[in-house]
Protein backbone atom coordinates (compact mmCIF):
# COMPACT_ATOMS: atom_id res chain seq x y z
CA MET A 1 21.11 -23.59 -9.96
CA ARG A 2 21.18 -20.82 -7.35
CA SER A 3 18.78 -18.73 -9.59
CA PHE A 4 16.36 -21.65 -9.80
CA GLU A 5 16.45 -22.10 -6.07
CA TYR A 6 15.69 -18.46 -5.33
CA PHE A 7 13.01 -18.41 -8.12
CA LYS A 8 11.36 -21.40 -6.32
CA TYR A 9 11.75 -19.74 -2.87
CA LEU A 10 10.22 -16.51 -4.21
CA HIS A 11 7.17 -18.32 -5.58
CA LEU A 12 6.65 -20.33 -2.44
CA GLY A 13 6.80 -17.02 -0.47
CA LEU A 14 4.36 -15.33 -2.73
CA ILE A 15 1.68 -17.96 -2.19
CA ALA A 16 2.45 -18.32 1.53
CA ASN A 17 -0.03 -16.93 4.03
CA ILE A 18 2.07 -14.08 5.28
CA LYS A 19 0.93 -10.44 5.70
CA ARG A 20 3.90 -8.75 3.97
CA LYS A 21 5.55 -10.21 0.90
CA THR A 22 8.97 -8.71 1.61
CA PHE A 23 12.24 -10.55 1.01
CA PRO A 24 12.94 -10.93 4.76
CA GLU A 25 9.51 -12.26 5.45
CA ILE A 26 9.59 -14.64 2.49
CA ALA A 27 13.07 -15.83 3.63
CA LYS A 28 11.70 -16.68 7.07
CA VAL A 29 8.71 -18.61 5.75
CA VAL A 30 10.86 -20.71 3.29
CA GLY A 31 13.52 -21.45 5.87
CA LEU A 32 16.32 -19.06 4.85
CA GLU A 33 18.44 -17.08 7.38
CA ASN A 34 17.80 -13.82 5.48
CA GLY A 35 16.61 -12.37 2.27
CA GLN A 36 20.08 -11.31 0.88
CA GLY A 37 19.89 -14.14 -1.70
CA PHE A 38 16.82 -12.57 -3.26
CA ASP A 39 18.85 -9.37 -3.90
CA TYR A 40 21.48 -11.40 -5.67
CA PHE A 41 18.77 -13.33 -7.63
CA PHE A 42 17.20 -10.07 -8.96
CA GLY A 43 20.46 -8.33 -9.54
CA ASN A 44 22.44 -11.09 -11.25
CA SER A 45 19.98 -13.43 -12.93
CA PRO A 46 20.56 -14.20 -16.64
CA TRP A 47 17.25 -12.82 -17.96
CA SER A 48 15.88 -9.42 -18.69
CA LEU A 49 13.69 -7.89 -16.00
CA GLU A 50 11.73 -5.96 -18.56
CA GLU A 51 11.05 -9.20 -20.51
CA VAL A 52 9.82 -10.93 -17.34
CA ARG A 53 7.53 -7.95 -16.50
CA GLU A 54 6.11 -7.88 -20.00
CA ARG A 55 5.38 -11.65 -19.93
CA ARG A 56 3.79 -11.32 -16.46
CA ILE A 57 1.53 -8.42 -17.68
CA ASN A 58 0.58 -10.30 -20.84
CA LYS A 59 -0.46 -13.35 -18.82
CA ILE A 60 -2.61 -11.15 -16.45
CA LEU A 61 -4.22 -9.45 -19.47
CA SER A 62 -4.94 -12.82 -20.92
CA PHE A 63 -6.47 -13.93 -17.67
CA ALA A 64 -8.61 -10.77 -17.38
CA GLU A 65 -10.12 -11.49 -20.92
CA GLY A 66 -11.08 -7.88 -21.33
CA GLU A 67 -13.20 -7.81 -18.14
CA ALA A 68 -13.01 -4.61 -16.03
CA ILE A 69 -10.54 -4.77 -13.15
CA THR A 70 -10.65 -2.98 -9.90
CA MET A 71 -7.43 -1.07 -9.16
CA LEU A 72 -6.07 -0.75 -5.66
CA ILE A 73 -3.45 1.86 -4.95
CA ASP A 74 -1.19 1.42 -1.90
CA GLU A 75 1.65 3.44 -0.55
CA THR A 76 3.95 1.23 1.47
CA GLY A 77 7.34 1.73 2.94
CA ASP A 78 10.19 0.05 4.75
CA ARG A 79 12.26 1.42 7.50
CA LYS A 80 15.99 1.66 6.50
CA LYS A 81 19.09 2.38 8.53
CA GLY A 82 21.44 4.88 6.96
CA ARG A 83 21.29 6.42 3.58
CA LYS A 84 23.08 4.05 1.31
CA THR A 85 19.98 2.84 -0.51
CA ASP A 86 18.73 5.24 -3.17
CA TYR A 87 15.80 7.45 -2.09
CA VAL A 88 15.94 6.65 1.52
CA ALA A 89 14.97 9.65 3.59
CA ARG A 90 13.04 10.67 6.73
CA GLN A 91 9.56 10.50 5.43
CA TYR A 92 6.09 9.28 6.35
CA ILE A 93 6.04 5.43 6.16
CA GLY A 94 2.31 4.52 5.77
CA ASN A 95 2.47 1.02 7.14
CA LEU A 96 4.30 2.26 10.25
CA GLY A 97 1.98 5.26 10.61
CA LYS A 98 4.86 7.70 11.39
CA ILE A 99 7.84 9.55 9.99
CA GLU A 100 10.90 7.33 9.89
CA ASN A 101 14.02 6.87 7.86
CA GLY A 102 12.93 4.65 4.99
CA ILE A 103 11.99 4.10 1.41
CA VAL A 104 8.39 4.48 0.07
CA GLU A 105 6.83 2.76 -2.92
CA VAL A 106 3.53 3.39 -4.65
CA MET A 107 1.97 0.12 -5.71
CA CYS A 108 -0.93 -0.75 -7.94
CA TYR A 109 -2.77 -4.02 -7.64
CA GLY A 110 -5.65 -5.29 -9.79
CA ILE A 111 -8.57 -7.37 -8.61
CA ILE A 112 -9.37 -9.73 -11.42
CA LYS A 113 -11.96 -12.42 -11.06
CA GLY A 114 -11.60 -12.26 -7.32
CA MET A 115 -7.87 -12.55 -7.34
CA THR A 116 -5.51 -9.74 -6.35
CA VAL A 117 -2.45 -9.43 -8.60
CA PRO A 118 0.42 -6.86 -8.53
CA LEU A 119 0.52 -4.73 -11.67
CA ILE A 120 2.87 -1.82 -11.34
CA SER A 121 5.07 -0.19 -8.59
CA LYS A 122 7.16 2.88 -8.52
CA VAL A 123 9.58 4.21 -5.84
CA TYR A 124 8.64 7.62 -4.51
CA LYS A 125 11.69 9.87 -4.81
CA PRO A 126 11.84 12.52 -2.04
CA GLU A 127 13.03 15.99 -3.25
CA THR A 128 15.94 15.90 -0.84
CA ARG A 129 17.30 12.69 -2.42
CA LEU A 130 16.89 13.27 -6.13
CA LYS A 131 19.76 12.14 -8.34
CA GLU A 132 20.91 14.05 -11.40
CA GLY A 133 18.31 13.69 -14.12
CA ASP A 134 15.51 12.84 -11.66
CA LYS A 135 12.39 14.96 -11.67
CA TYR A 136 10.43 15.32 -8.41
CA LYS A 137 6.87 13.75 -8.62
CA SER A 138 4.37 13.74 -5.79
CA LYS A 139 2.64 10.52 -4.82
CA PRO A 140 -0.56 11.65 -6.55
CA GLU A 141 1.40 12.39 -9.70
CA ILE A 142 2.93 8.92 -9.55
CA VAL A 143 -0.52 7.43 -9.22
CA GLY A 144 -1.60 9.37 -12.28
CA GLU A 145 1.30 7.93 -14.25
CA ILE A 146 0.45 4.42 -13.04
CA ILE A 147 -3.20 4.78 -14.17
CA LYS A 148 -2.05 6.03 -17.56
CA GLU A 149 0.31 3.04 -17.92
CA ILE A 150 -2.36 0.51 -16.90
CA LYS A 151 -4.66 1.93 -19.62
CA GLU A 152 -1.88 1.87 -22.16
CA LEU A 153 -1.14 -1.77 -21.34
CA GLY A 154 -4.72 -2.56 -22.35
CA PHE A 155 -6.49 -3.09 -18.99
CA ASN A 156 -10.11 -2.20 -18.73
CA ILE A 157 -10.48 -0.31 -15.45
């Protein structure tokens, strides 16, 4: 039941007229005290994240019907206190316009038939915070990977 509730809240938040679609912002707009329940929802739900991603991409591909899409690449970040979250470091946070302690993500959106849809996102991993087995990739390198993946998925760019 709890998973269903947060699934519903997430969708209400995604269609809400809010500037940033973050868990804390979505929580506010749907009447929750905070966004912690979304973390639980994504971390402990009984389905496969990869399967859900694959189904979402297939639906977007079907909607596109082979038409060319326009890709938008965005680097966004969130300020974070401390260093407990993986890949948090003092780095440039684009939406803040300055160097802060935070996490950065490279996002790819597609414009398809006048609609903007999220396609792929990847966390930028600063050299100072790499884990064992990680390889450093600059943001332009991450964008290159994303473009390659978008093409491999079958999107016409």
